[in-house]
C-alpha atoms as a PDB file:
ATOM      1  CA  MET A   1     -64.240 -78.820  -4.884  1.00  0.00           C
ATOM      2  CA  ASP A   2     -61.497 -78.575  -2.236  1.00  0.00           C
ATOM      3  CA  ASN A   3     -60.198 -82.174  -1.794  1.00  0.00           C
ATOM      4  CA  ASN A   4     -58.827 -81.210   1.668  1.00  0.00           C
ATOM      5  CA  ILE A   5     -62.339 -80.740   3.029  1.00  0.00           C
ATOM      6  CA  LYS A   6     -63.594 -83.756   4.881  1.00  0.00           C
ATOM      7  CA  SER A   7     -66.866 -85.473   3.561  1.00  0.00           C
ATOM      8  CA  LEU A   8     -69.801 -84.887   5.818  1.00  0.00           C
ATOM      9  CA  CYS A   9     -71.474 -88.159   5.152  1.00  0.00           C
ATOM     10  CA  LYS A  10     -68.242 -90.146   5.483  1.00  0.00           C
ATOM     11  CA  GLU A  11     -67.483 -88.544   8.791  1.00  0.00           C
ATOM     12  CA  TYR A  12     -70.939 -89.657  10.021  1.00  0.00           C
ATOM     13  CA  ALA A  13     -70.790 -93.152   8.425  1.00  0.00           C
ATOM     14  CA  GLU A  14     -70.860 -94.727  11.830  1.00  0.00           C
ATOM     15  CA  TYR A  15     -73.872 -92.793  12.949  1.00  0.00           C
ATOM     16  CA  PHE A  16     -76.539 -92.339  10.186  1.00  0.00           C
ATOM     17  CA  PRO A  17     -76.869 -91.228   6.634  1.00  0.00           C
ATOM     18  CA  ILE A  18     -76.713 -87.561   5.789  1.00  0.00           C
ATOM     19  CA  GLY A  19     -79.091 -86.264   3.217  1.00  0.00           C
ATOM     20  CA  ALA A  20     -80.106 -83.254   1.188  1.00  0.00           C
ATOM     21  CA  ALA A  21     -83.398 -82.265  -0.493  1.00  0.00           C
ATOM     22  CA  VAL A  22     -82.747 -81.753  -4.139  1.00  0.00           C
ATOM     23  CA  ASN A  23     -84.422 -81.040  -7.504  1.00  0.00           C
ATOM     24  CA  PRO A  24     -83.318 -81.682 -11.076  1.00  0.00           C
ATOM     25  CA  LYS A  25     -81.593 -78.390 -11.382  1.00  0.00           C
ATOM     26  CA  VAL A  26     -79.653 -78.623  -8.138  1.00  0.00           C
ATOM     27  CA  ILE A  27     -78.240 -82.099  -8.953  1.00  0.00           C
ATOM     28  CA  LYS A  28     -76.630 -80.386 -11.962  1.00  0.00           C
ATOM     29  CA  SER A  29     -75.568 -77.136 -10.341  1.00  0.00           C
ATOM     30  CA  HIS A  30     -74.311 -78.659  -7.071  1.00  0.00           C
ATOM     31  CA  THR A  31     -73.227 -81.990  -8.314  1.00  0.00           C
ATOM     32  CA  GLY A  32     -69.756 -82.023  -6.710  1.00  0.00           C
ATOM     33  CA  LEU A  33     -71.108 -80.750  -3.378  1.00  0.00           C
ATOM     34  CA  ILE A  34     -73.962 -83.227  -3.148  1.00  0.00           C
ATOM     35  CA  VAL A  35     -71.894 -86.290  -4.269  1.00  0.00           C
ATOM     36  CA  LYS A  36     -69.042 -85.514  -1.868  1.00  0.00           C
ATOM     37  CA  HIS A  37     -71.114 -84.632   1.424  1.00  0.00           C
ATOM     38  CA  PHE A  38     -74.488 -86.550   1.154  1.00  0.00           C
ATOM     39  CA  ASN A  39     -75.309 -90.278   0.848  1.00  0.00           C
ATOM     40  CA  SER A  40     -79.057 -89.661   0.780  1.00  0.00           C
ATOM     41  CA  ILE A  41     -81.296 -87.432  -1.158  1.00  0.00           C
ATOM     42  CA  THR A  42     -85.072 -86.445  -0.911  1.00  0.00           C
ATOM     43  CA  PRO A  43     -86.892 -85.124  -3.920  1.00  0.00           C
ATOM     44  CA  GLU A  44     -87.907 -81.539  -2.964  1.00  0.00           C
ATOM     45  CA  ASN A  45     -91.197 -81.575  -4.845  1.00  0.00           C
ATOM     46  CA  GLU A  46     -90.896 -84.136  -7.657  1.00  0.00           C
ATOM     47  CA  MET A  47     -92.758 -86.959  -5.877  1.00  0.00           C
ATOM     48  CA  LYS A  48     -95.512 -84.738  -4.500  1.00  0.00           C
ATOM     49  CA  PRO A  49     -98.936 -85.453  -6.118  1.00  0.00           C
ATOM     50  CA  ALA A  50     -99.148 -82.158  -7.813  1.00  0.00           C
ATOM     51  CA  LEU A  51     -96.057 -82.756  -9.770  1.00  0.00           C
ATOM     52  CA  ILE A  52     -96.070 -86.456 -10.246  1.00  0.00           C
ATOM     53  CA  HIS A  53     -99.831 -87.030 -10.856  1.00  0.00           C
ATOM     54  CA  LYS A  54    -101.026 -83.829 -12.480  1.00  0.00           C
ATOM     55  CA  THR A  55    -104.184 -85.264 -13.984  1.00  0.00           C
ATOM     56  CA  GLU A  56    -106.124 -88.402 -13.068  1.00  0.00           C
ATOM     57  CA  ALA A  57    -105.053 -90.005 -16.398  1.00  0.00           C
ATOM     58  CA  GLU A  58    -101.512 -88.922 -16.362  1.00  0.00           C
ATOM     59  CA  TYR A  59     -98.357 -89.536 -14.318  1.00  0.00           C
ATOM     60  CA  TRP A  60     -95.318 -87.588 -14.879  1.00  0.00           C
ATOM     61  CA  PHE A  61     -92.310 -89.522 -13.763  1.00  0.00           C
ATOM     62  CA  GLU A  62     -89.510 -87.825 -15.685  1.00  0.00           C
ATOM     63  CA  ASP A  63     -88.108 -85.698 -12.895  1.00  0.00           C
ATOM     64  CA  ALA A  64     -88.526 -88.224 -10.098  1.00  0.00           C
ATOM     65  CA  ASP A  65     -86.915 -90.909 -12.271  1.00  0.00           C
ATOM     66  CA  ALA A  66     -84.025 -88.591 -12.916  1.00  0.00           C
ATOM     67  CA  LEU A  67     -83.435 -88.030  -9.159  1.00  0.00           C
ATOM     68  CA  VAL A  68     -83.651 -91.726  -8.471  1.00  0.00           C
ATOM     69  CA  GLY A  69     -81.192 -92.466 -11.159  1.00  0.00           C
ATOM     70  CA  PHE A  70     -78.813 -89.868  -9.896  1.00  0.00           C
ATOM     71  CA  ALA A  71     -78.998 -91.500  -6.504  1.00  0.00           C
ATOM     72  CA  GLN A  72     -78.402 -94.969  -7.872  1.00  0.00           C
ATOM     73  CA  GLU A  73     -75.434 -93.764  -9.999  1.00  0.00           C
ATOM     74  CA  ASN A  74     -73.861 -92.317  -6.835  1.00  0.00           C
ATOM     75  CA  ARG A  75     -74.785 -95.049  -4.511  1.00  0.00           C
ATOM     76  CA  MET A  76     -77.120 -92.778  -2.565  1.00  0.00           C
ATOM     77  CA  LYS A  77     -80.346 -93.710  -0.565  1.00  0.00           C
ATOM     78  CA  VAL A  78     -83.559 -92.131  -1.545  1.00  0.00           C
ATOM     79  CA  ARG A  79     -86.279 -90.783   0.861  1.00  0.00           C
ATOM     80  CA  GLY A  80     -89.687 -90.698  -0.853  1.00  0.00           C
ATOM     81  CA  HIS A  81     -91.640 -87.342  -0.150  1.00  0.00           C
ATOM     82  CA  THR A  82     -94.575 -87.427   0.118  1.00  0.00           C
ATOM     83  CA  LEU A  83     -97.579 -89.578  -0.706  1.00  0.00           C
ATOM     84  CA  VAL A  84    -100.483 -87.876   1.105  1.00  0.00           C
ATOM     85  CA  TRP A  85    -100.478 -84.147   2.103  1.00  0.00           C
ATOM     86  CA  HIS A  86    -103.234 -81.451   2.386  1.00  0.00           C
ATOM     87  CA  ASN A  87    -101.105 -79.219   0.154  1.00  0.00           C
ATOM     88  CA  GLN A  88     -99.745 -79.652  -3.354  1.00  0.00           C
ATOM     89  CA  THR A  89    -102.512 -82.209  -4.272  1.00  0.00           C
ATOM     90  CA  PRO A  90    -104.589 -81.620  -7.453  1.00  0.00           C
ATOM     91  CA  ASP A  91    -108.198 -80.755  -7.158  1.00  0.00           C
ATOM     92  CA  TRP A  92    -109.340 -83.731  -9.246  1.00  0.00           C
ATOM     93  CA  PHE A  93    -108.440 -86.019  -6.324  1.00  0.00           C
ATOM     94  CA  PHE A  94    -111.342 -84.710  -4.472  1.00  0.00           C
ATOM     95  CA  THR A  95    -114.139 -84.688  -7.233  1.00  0.00           C
ATOM     96  CA  ASP A  96    -115.909 -87.261  -9.260  1.00  0.00           C
ATOM     97  CA  ASN A  97    -116.169 -87.376 -13.113  1.00  0.00           C
ATOM     98  CA  THR A  98    -119.140 -84.773 -12.963  1.00  0.00           C
ATOM     99  CA  GLY A  99    -117.082 -82.406 -10.873  1.00  0.00           C
ATOM    100  CA  LYS A 100    -119.067 -83.058  -7.599  1.00  0.00           C
ATOM    101  CA  PRO A 101    -117.278 -83.789  -4.346  1.00  0.00           C
ATOM    102  CA  ALA A 102    -115.906 -87.335  -4.406  1.00  0.00           C
ATOM    103  CA  SER A 103    -117.551 -89.827  -2.068  1.00  0.00           C
ATOM    104  CA  ARG A 104    -115.424 -91.498   0.798  1.00  0.00           C
ATOM    105  CA  GLU A 105    -115.081 -94.584  -1.178  1.00  0.00           C
ATOM    106  CA  LEU A 106    -114.003 -92.909  -4.385  1.00  0.00           C
ATOM    107  CA  LEU A 107    -111.509 -90.662  -2.633  1.00  0.00           C
ATOM    108  CA  LEU A 108    -109.979 -93.948  -0.936  1.00  0.00           C
ATOM    109  CA  LYS A 109    -109.914 -95.682  -4.317  1.00  0.00           C
ATOM    110  CA  LYS A 110    -107.952 -92.625  -5.776  1.00  0.00           C
ATOM    111  CA  MET A 111    -105.599 -92.552  -2.895  1.00  0.00           C
ATOM    112  CA  LYS A 112    -104.902 -96.434  -3.069  1.00  0.00           C
ATOM    113  CA  GLU A 113    -104.361 -96.154  -6.780  1.00  0.00           C
ATOM    114  CA  HIS A 114    -101.922 -93.151  -6.459  1.00  0.00           C
ATOM    115  CA  ILE A 115     -99.866 -94.727  -3.596  1.00  0.00           C
ATOM    116  CA  HIS A 116     -99.756 -98.180  -5.356  1.00  0.00           C
ATOM    117  CA  THR A 117     -98.500 -96.539  -8.680  1.00  0.00           C
ATOM    118  CA  VAL A 118     -95.915 -94.190  -7.181  1.00  0.00           C
ATOM    119  CA  ALA A 119     -94.614 -96.299  -4.259  1.00  0.00           C
ATOM    120  CA  GLY A 120     -94.886 -99.395  -6.600  1.00  0.00           C
ATOM    121  CA  ARG A 121     -92.775 -97.814  -9.248  1.00  0.00           C
ATOM    122  CA  TYR A 122     -89.949 -97.101  -6.910  1.00  0.00           C
ATOM    123  CA  LYS A 123     -90.161-100.326  -4.867  1.00  0.00           C
ATOM    124  CA  ALA A 124     -86.597-101.229  -3.764  1.00  0.00           C
ATOM    125  CA  LYS A 125     -85.305 -97.904  -5.080  1.00  0.00           C
ATOM    126  CA  VAL A 126     -86.790 -95.638  -2.347  1.00  0.00           C
ATOM    127  CA  TYR A 127     -85.963 -97.083   1.130  1.00  0.00           C
ATOM    128  CA  CYS A 128     -88.503 -94.969   3.029  1.00  0.00           C
ATOM    129  CA  TRP A 129     -91.505 -92.740   2.558  1.00  0.00           C
ATOM    130  CA  ASP A 130     -93.002 -89.826   4.237  1.00  0.00           C
ATOM    131  CA  VAL A 131     -96.398 -91.433   3.905  1.00  0.00           C
ATOM    132  CA  VAL A 132     -98.512 -88.777   5.566  1.00  0.00           C
ATOM    133  CA  ASN A 133     -97.324 -85.229   5.854  1.00  0.00           C
ATOM    134  CA  GLU A 134     -98.514 -82.527   8.453  1.00  0.00           C
ATOM    135  CA  ALA A 135    -101.868 -84.011   9.396  1.00  0.00           C
ATOM    136  CA  VAL A 136    -101.688 -82.498  13.002  1.00  0.00           C
ATOM    137  CA  GLU A 137    -102.999 -79.083  13.731  1.00  0.00           C
ATOM    138  CA  ASP A 138    -100.890 -76.437  15.309  1.00  0.00           C
ATOM    139  CA  THR A 139    -103.782 -74.730  17.136  1.00  0.00           C
ATOM    140  CA  SER A 140    -103.933 -76.226  20.634  1.00  0.00           C
ATOM    141  CA  SER A 141    -107.699 -76.815  20.708  1.00  0.00           C
ATOM    142  CA  ILE A 142    -107.704 -78.958  17.514  1.00  0.00           C
ATOM    143  CA  TYR A 143    -106.263 -82.364  17.054  1.00  0.00           C
ATOM    144  CA  LEU A 144    -106.113 -82.965  13.268  1.00  0.00           C
ATOM    145  CA  ARG A 145    -105.617 -80.418  10.701  1.00  0.00           C
ATOM    146  CA  LYS A 146    -108.613 -79.407   8.729  1.00  0.00           C
ATOM    147  CA  SER A 147    -108.177 -80.736   5.159  1.00  0.00           C
ATOM    148  CA  LYS A 148    -110.194 -82.385   2.386  1.00  0.00           C
ATOM    149  CA  TRP A 149    -108.650 -85.643   3.371  1.00  0.00           C
ATOM    150  CA  LEU A 150    -110.018 -85.344   6.843  1.00  0.00           C
ATOM    151  CA  GLU A 151    -113.449 -83.903   5.792  1.00  0.00           C
ATOM    152  CA  MET A 152    -114.087 -86.352   3.140  1.00  0.00           C
ATOM    153  CA  VAL A 153    -112.716 -89.577   4.410  1.00  0.00           C
ATOM    154  CA  GLY A 154    -112.360 -89.093   8.159  1.00  0.00           C
ATOM    155  CA  GLU A 155    -109.534 -89.655  10.580  1.00  0.00           C
ATOM    156  CA  ASP A 156    -108.846 -93.100   9.233  1.00  0.00           C
ATOM    157  CA  PHE A 157    -107.515 -91.602   5.943  1.00  0.00           C
ATOM    158  CA  ILE A 158    -104.063 -91.777   7.704  1.00  0.00           C
ATOM    159  CA  GLU A 159    -104.456 -95.339   8.472  1.00  0.00           C
ATOM    160  CA  ARG A 160    -105.406 -96.240   5.018  1.00  0.00           C
ATOM    161  CA  ALA A 161    -102.476 -94.301   3.517  1.00  0.00           C
ATOM    162  CA  PHE A 162    -100.053 -96.304   5.623  1.00  0.00           C
ATOM    163  CA  GLU A 163    -101.665 -99.657   4.767  1.00  0.00           C
ATOM    164  CA  TYR A 164    -101.586 -98.844   1.037  1.00  0.00           C
ATOM    165  CA  ALA A 165     -97.922 -97.779   1.211  1.00  0.00           C
ATOM    166  CA  HIS A 166     -96.999-101.016   3.073  1.00  0.00           C
ATOM    167  CA  ASP A 167     -98.924-103.086   0.515  1.00  0.00           C
ATOM    168  CA  SER A 168     -96.995-101.319  -2.375  1.00  0.00           C
ATOM    169  CA  ASP A 169     -93.539-102.011  -0.901  1.00  0.00           C
ATOM    170  CA  PRO A 170     -93.565-104.194   2.325  1.00  0.00           C
ATOM    171  CA  ASP A 171     -89.762-103.478   2.709  1.00  0.00           C
ATOM    172  CA  ALA A 172     -90.044 -99.727   2.803  1.00  0.00           C
ATOM    173  CA  VAL A 173     -89.690 -97.856   6.176  1.00  0.00           C
ATOM    174  CA  LEU A 174     -92.790 -95.680   6.580  1.00  0.00           C
ATOM    175  CA  PHE A 175     -92.813 -92.323   8.320  1.00  0.00           C
ATOM    176  CA  TYR A 176     -95.300 -89.830   9.628  1.00  0.00           C
ATOM    177  CA  ASN A 177     -93.713 -86.509   8.933  1.00  0.00           C
ATOM    178  CA  ASP A 178     -94.432 -82.963  10.592  1.00  0.00           C
ATOM    179  CA  TYR A 179     -93.073 -79.476  11.561  1.00  0.00           C
ATOM    180  CA  ASN A 180     -93.166 -77.676  14.990  1.00  0.00           C
ATOM    181  CA  GLU A 181     -92.457 -81.178  16.213  1.00  0.00           C
ATOM    182  CA  CYS A 182     -90.677 -79.928  19.323  1.00  0.00           C
ATOM    183  CA  LYS A 183     -93.343 -77.677  20.570  1.00  0.00           C
ATOM    184  CA  ALA A 184     -94.963 -79.066  23.633  1.00  0.00           C
ATOM    185  CA  GLU A 185     -98.670 -79.018  22.601  1.00  0.00           C
ATOM    186  CA  LYS A 186     -98.024 -80.230  18.983  1.00  0.00           C
ATOM    187  CA  SER A 187     -95.604 -83.027  20.029  1.00  0.00           C
ATOM    188  CA  GLU A 188     -98.260 -84.293  22.369  1.00  0.00           C
ATOM    189  CA  LYS A 189    -100.549 -84.597  19.374  1.00  0.00           C
ATOM    190  CA  ILE A 190     -98.053 -86.132  17.169  1.00  0.00           C
ATOM    191  CA  TYR A 191     -97.300 -88.695  19.859  1.00  0.00           C
ATOM    192  CA  ARG A 192    -101.027 -89.438  20.350  1.00  0.00           C
ATOM    193  CA  LEU A 193    -101.464 -89.914  16.613  1.00  0.00           C
ATOM    194  CA  VAL A 194     -98.605 -92.273  16.194  1.00  0.00           C
ATOM    195  CA  LYS A 195     -99.376 -94.218  19.396  1.00  0.00           C
ATOM    196  CA  SER A 196    -102.999 -94.786  18.201  1.00  0.00           C
ATOM    197  CA  LEU A 197    -101.713 -96.050  14.849  1.00  0.00           C
ATOM    198  CA  LYS A 198     -99.285 -98.443  16.608  1.00  0.00           C
ATOM    199  CA  GLU A 199    -102.148 -99.658  18.843  1.00  0.00           C
ATOM    200  CA  LYS A 200    -104.130-100.420  15.722  1.00  0.00           C
ATOM    201  CA  ASP A 201    -101.103-102.312  14.105  1.00  0.00           C
ATOM    202  CA  VAL A 202    -100.967 -99.830  11.364  1.00  0.00           C
ATOM    203  CA  PRO A 203     -97.610-100.212   9.619  1.00  0.00           C
ATOM    204  CA  VAL A 204     -96.000 -96.929  10.780  1.00  0.00           C
ATOM    205  CA  HIS A 205     -92.286 -97.369  11.470  1.00  0.00           C
ATOM    206  CA  GLY A 206     -90.997 -93.798  12.305  1.00  0.00           C
ATOM    207  CA  ILE A 207     -91.615 -90.150  12.963  1.00  0.00           C
ATOM    208  CA  GLY A 208     -89.999 -87.476  10.735  1.00  0.00           C
ATOM    209  CA  MET A 209     -89.000 -84.513  12.573  1.00  0.00           C
ATOM    210  CA  GLN A 210     -88.816 -81.864   9.980  1.00  0.00           C
ATOM    211  CA  GLY A 211     -86.404 -79.589  11.809  1.00  0.00           C
ATOM    212  CA  HIS A 212     -87.119 -76.226  10.289  1.00  0.00           C
ATOM    213  CA  TRP A 213     -85.447 -74.487  13.224  1.00  0.00           C
ATOM    214  CA  SER A 214     -83.625 -71.279  13.991  1.00  0.00           C
ATOM    215  CA  ILE A 215     -80.704 -69.956  16.022  1.00  0.00           C
ATOM    216  CA  TYR A 216     -83.325 -68.926  18.481  1.00  0.00           C
ATOM    217  CA  GLY A 217     -84.995 -72.303  19.063  1.00  0.00           C
ATOM    218  CA  PRO A 218     -86.160 -74.711  19.876  1.00  0.00           C
ATOM    219  CA  THR A 219     -83.916 -75.258  22.648  1.00  0.00           C
ATOM    220  CA  LEU A 220     -81.758 -78.291  23.131  1.00  0.00           C
ATOM    221  CA  ASP A 221     -83.983 -79.359  26.128  1.00  0.00           C
ATOM    222  CA  GLU A 222     -87.139 -78.936  23.970  1.00  0.00           C
ATOM    223  CA  ILE A 223     -85.578 -81.097  21.216  1.00  0.00           C
ATOM    224  CA  LYS A 224     -84.488 -83.804  23.777  1.00  0.00           C
ATOM    225  CA  ARG A 225     -87.822 -83.852  25.395  1.00  0.00           C
ATOM    226  CA  ALA A 226     -89.531 -84.568  21.985  1.00  0.00           C
ATOM    227  CA  VAL A 227     -86.954 -87.171  21.026  1.00  0.00           C
ATOM    228  CA  ASP A 228     -87.484 -88.965  24.348  1.00  0.00           C
ATOM    229  CA  LYS A 229     -91.229 -88.668  23.922  1.00  0.00           C
ATOM    230  CA  TYR A 230     -91.249 -90.166  20.364  1.00  0.00           C
ATOM    231  CA  ALA A 231     -88.682 -92.803  20.991  1.00  0.00           C
ATOM    232  CA  SER A 232     -90.673 -94.220  23.813  1.00  0.00           C
ATOM    233  CA  LEU A 233     -93.092 -95.526  21.135  1.00  0.00           C
ATOM    234  CA  GLY A 234     -90.474 -97.935  20.069  1.00  0.00           C
ATOM    235  CA  ILE A 235     -90.091 -96.460  16.582  1.00  0.00           C
ATOM    236  CA  LYS A 236     -87.233 -94.803  14.755  1.00  0.00           C
ATOM    237  CA  LEU A 237     -86.781 -91.137  14.213  1.00  0.00           C
ATOM    238  CA  GLN A 238     -85.305 -88.993  11.366  1.00  0.00           C
ATOM    239  CA  VAL A 239     -84.693 -85.291  10.968  1.00  0.00           C
ATOM    240  CA  THR A 240     -85.995 -84.851   7.551  1.00  0.00           C
ATOM    241  CA  GLU A 241     -85.889 -81.211   6.446  1.00  0.00           C
ATOM    242  CA  LEU A 242     -83.212 -79.664   8.630  1.00  0.00           C
ATOM    243  CA  ASP A 243     -82.219 -75.992   8.325  1.00  0.00           C
ATOM    244  CA  VAL A 244     -81.344 -73.361  10.835  1.00  0.00           C
ATOM    245  CA  SER A 245     -82.612 -69.841   9.996  1.00  0.00           C
ATOM    246  CA  LEU A 246     -80.870 -66.733  11.129  1.00  0.00           C
ATOM    247  CA  TYR A 247     -84.320 -65.263  11.828  1.00  0.00           C
ATOM    248  CA  GLU A 248     -86.632 -65.736  14.786  1.00  0.00           C
ATOM    249  CA  PRO A 249     -88.945 -68.702  14.717  1.00  0.00           C
ATOM    250  CA  ASP A 250     -91.857 -66.596  13.517  1.00  0.00           C
ATOM    251  CA  TYR A 251     -89.563 -65.104  10.679  1.00  0.00           C
ATOM    252  CA  LYS A 252     -89.811 -61.625  12.203  1.00  0.00           C
ATOM    253  CA  GLY A 253     -87.091 -59.230  12.598  1.00  0.00           C
ATOM    254  CA  MET A 254     -85.010 -56.948  10.282  1.00  0.00           C
ATOM    255  CA  GLU A 255     -84.249 -57.807   6.738  1.00  0.00           C
ATOM    256  CA  LEU A 256     -80.611 -58.943   6.675  1.00  0.00           C
ATOM    257  CA  LYS A 257     -78.564 -57.894   3.619  1.00  0.00           C
ATOM    258  CA  ALA A 258     -75.791 -60.166   4.608  1.00  0.00           C
ATOM    259  CA  PRO A 259     -75.361 -62.895   7.308  1.00  0.00           C
ATOM    260  CA  LEU A 260     -74.032 -60.998  10.392  1.00  0.00           C
ATOM    261  CA  PRO A 261     -70.875 -62.509  11.996  1.00  0.00           C
ATOM    262  CA  GLU A 262     -72.588 -62.726  15.313  1.00  0.00           C
ATOM    263  CA  LEU A 263     -75.622 -64.621  13.928  1.00  0.00           C
ATOM    264  CA  LEU A 264     -73.300 -67.003  11.921  1.00  0.00           C
ATOM    265  CA  ALA A 265     -71.515 -67.633  15.400  1.00  0.00           C
ATOM    266  CA  LYS A 266     -74.844 -68.513  17.000  1.00  0.00           C
ATOM    267  CA  GLN A 267     -75.648 -70.756  13.933  1.00  0.00           C
ATOM    268  CA  GLU A 268     -72.313 -72.391  14.311  1.00  0.00           C
ATOM    269  CA  GLU A 269     -72.931 -73.090  18.100  1.00  0.00           C
ATOM    270  CA  TYR A 270     -76.461 -74.330  17.487  1.00  0.00           C
ATOM    271  CA  TYR A 271     -75.559 -76.775  14.827  1.00  0.00           C
ATOM    272  CA  GLY A 272     -72.651 -78.134  16.854  1.00  0.00           C
ATOM    273  CA  ARG A 273     -75.006 -78.687  19.847  1.00  0.00           C
ATOM    274  CA  ILE A 274     -77.840 -80.408  17.870  1.00  0.00           C
ATOM    275  CA  PHE A 275     -75.507 -82.712  16.113  1.00  0.00           C
ATOM    276  CA  GLU A 276     -74.064 -83.656  19.447  1.00  0.00           C
ATOM    277  CA  LEU A 277     -77.471 -84.593  20.525  1.00  0.00           C
ATOM    278  CA  PHE A 278     -78.085 -86.604  17.436  1.00  0.00           C
ATOM    279  CA  ARG A 279     -75.010 -88.541  17.926  1.00  0.00           C
ATOM    280  CA  GLU A 280     -76.034 -89.338  21.513  1.00  0.00           C
ATOM    281  CA  TYR A 281     -79.204 -90.741  20.116  1.00  0.00           C
ATOM    282  CA  LYS A 282     -77.699 -92.631  17.285  1.00  0.00           C
ATOM    283  CA  SER A 283     -79.639 -95.836  18.343  1.00  0.00           C
ATOM    284  CA  VAL A 284     -82.810 -93.818  17.635  1.00  0.00           C
ATOM    285  CA  PHE A 285     -82.004 -91.601  14.559  1.00  0.00           C
ATOM    286  CA  THR A 286     -81.745 -93.408  11.265  1.00  0.00           C
ATOM    287  CA  GLY A 287     -81.055 -90.382   9.161  1.00  0.00           C
ATOM    288  CA  ILE A 288     -80.534 -86.634   9.174  1.00  0.00           C
ATOM    289  CA  THR A 289     -81.560 -84.756   6.014  1.00  0.00           C
ATOM    290  CA  PHE A 290     -81.036 -80.955   5.235  1.00  0.00           C
ATOM    291  CA  TRP A 291     -83.688 -79.235   3.359  1.00  0.00           C
ATOM    292  CA  GLY A 292     -81.206 -78.140   0.690  1.00  0.00           C
ATOM    293  CA  ALA A 293     -77.486 -78.424  -0.044  1.00  0.00           C
ATOM    294  CA  ALA A 294     -76.170 -74.718   0.122  1.00  0.00           C
ATOM    295  CA  ASP A 295     -77.382 -71.332   0.887  1.00  0.00           C
ATOM    296  CA  ASP A 296     -77.814 -70.190  -2.727  1.00  0.00           C
ATOM    297  CA  VAL A 297     -80.809 -72.483  -3.156  1.00  0.00           C
ATOM    298  CA  THR A 298     -83.125 -72.890  -0.208  1.00  0.00           C
ATOM    299  CA  TRP A 299     -86.896 -72.510   0.286  1.00  0.00           C
ATOM    300  CA  LEU A 300     -86.204 -69.970   2.957  1.00  0.00           C
ATOM    301  CA  ASN A 301     -84.866 -67.455   0.333  1.00  0.00           C
ATOM    302  CA  ASN A 302     -87.918 -65.166  -0.389  1.00  0.00           C
ATOM    303  CA  PHE A 303     -89.735 -66.680   2.575  1.00  0.00           C
ATOM    304  CA  PRO A 304     -92.133 -65.371   4.018  1.00  0.00           C
ATOM    305  CA  THR A 305     -91.501 -62.107   2.052  1.00  0.00           C
ATOM    306  CA  LYS A 306     -90.082 -61.717  -1.569  1.00  0.00           C
ATOM    307  CA  GLY A 307     -86.529 -60.610  -1.516  1.00  0.00           C
ATOM    308  CA  ARG A 308     -85.552 -61.828   1.854  1.00  0.00           C
ATOM    309  CA  LYS A 309     -82.342 -63.817   1.994  1.00  0.00           C
ATOM    310  CA  ASN A 310     -81.549 -66.575   4.426  1.00  0.00           C
ATOM    311  CA  TRP A 311     -78.417 -68.540   5.219  1.00  0.00           C
ATOM    312  CA  PRO A 312     -79.680 -71.676   6.950  1.00  0.00           C
ATOM    313  CA  LEU A 313     -77.379 -74.466   5.740  1.00  0.00           C
ATOM    314  CA  LEU A 314     -73.786 -75.713   6.305  1.00  0.00           C
ATOM    315  CA  PHE A 315     -72.541 -74.442   2.875  1.00  0.00           C
ATOM    316  CA  ASP A 316     -72.512 -70.825   1.623  1.00  0.00           C
ATOM    317  CA  ASP A 317     -73.655 -69.346  -1.608  1.00  0.00           C
ATOM    318  CA  GLU A 318     -70.401 -70.406  -3.218  1.00  0.00           C
ATOM    319  CA  HIS A 319     -70.804 -73.961  -1.925  1.00  0.00           C
ATOM    320  CA  LYS A 320     -67.871 -73.425   0.598  1.00  0.00           C
ATOM    321  CA  PRO A 321     -68.211 -74.887   4.172  1.00  0.00           C
ATOM    322  CA  LYS A 322     -69.257 -72.363   6.858  1.00  0.00           C
ATOM    323  CA  ALA A 323     -68.156 -72.369  10.427  1.00  0.00           C
ATOM    324  CA  ALA A 324     -71.288 -74.418  11.175  1.00  0.00           C
ATOM    325  CA  PHE A 325     -69.789 -77.197   9.000  1.00  0.00           C
ATOM    326  CA  SER A 326     -66.767 -77.281  11.225  1.00  0.00           C
ATOM    327  CA  SER A 327     -68.942 -77.571  14.367  1.00  0.00           C
ATOM    328  CA  VAL A 328     -70.937 -80.507  13.005  1.00  0.00           C
ATOM    329  CA  LEU A 329     -67.716 -82.305  12.276  1.00  0.00           C
ATOM    330  CA  ASN A 330     -66.198 -81.587  15.696  1.00  0.00           C
ATOM    331  CA  LYS A 331     -66.942 -84.817  17.277  1.00  0.00           C
END
């Protein structure tokens, strides 16, 4: 670790915490990088129902506990991710003890028990939660995403999730989290959802803008419009899963064997501009989290096709700062 390189989180101490999504392997392979540059972590998968609550009778806390312990040892914040999601949720949630579809009442009972157990275990250790993840549909003609939660409980599954989370830890900051959050049609639906929750006095405190962006967009104007829209609700915002792909937003384009200099230059410029915007809105943003720490380990490698490489973060495969790092520090 080069001691002459400035610490990202220390440089942003007067603005907001800087986080990274991690897993048990990464906190060992990237320890120096993470400890120096980040003061918040998000478990990448380890708190999702499929990993932490594999069977109805069994919770598996080992990996989540390890990440929380790492954060405490290094005086880092922890973002909890995620309590209710249509994906990575075991099938047993949605059936009764005979294998038939669970009733609304039974499914809500299971949701409540799960949230109380998980959020309760990490009370005062996890400062905020992505309570409900990706419940809004991308298709323009549909409001909420089709899911078993929606089909079997109804739209109020979202309300119940926030209420259960608040009951479990009244001091935790509770977020609704989603992607494509800057697209005009979807942002209107996210706004509609959170506004309706606020009007019902549901304890939702913020919107998580995932921030899976690319050098081709969203534009700064599109991001600013979404930020202004969400902030008008009187809530806080966080960018929760930030990365900037070198591919087009639909992931089309030629397969890159190496990061082309001209694309890295666009990435450098894009990162600089979005962080300038984040600083401008420091009264609104309470955290910026990258979905990963360095380019060698990112969900965008092998996505959407096996063998594809991407370079979406501020540190390269060797954990060295890229030009984009310097642009983010250029305050």
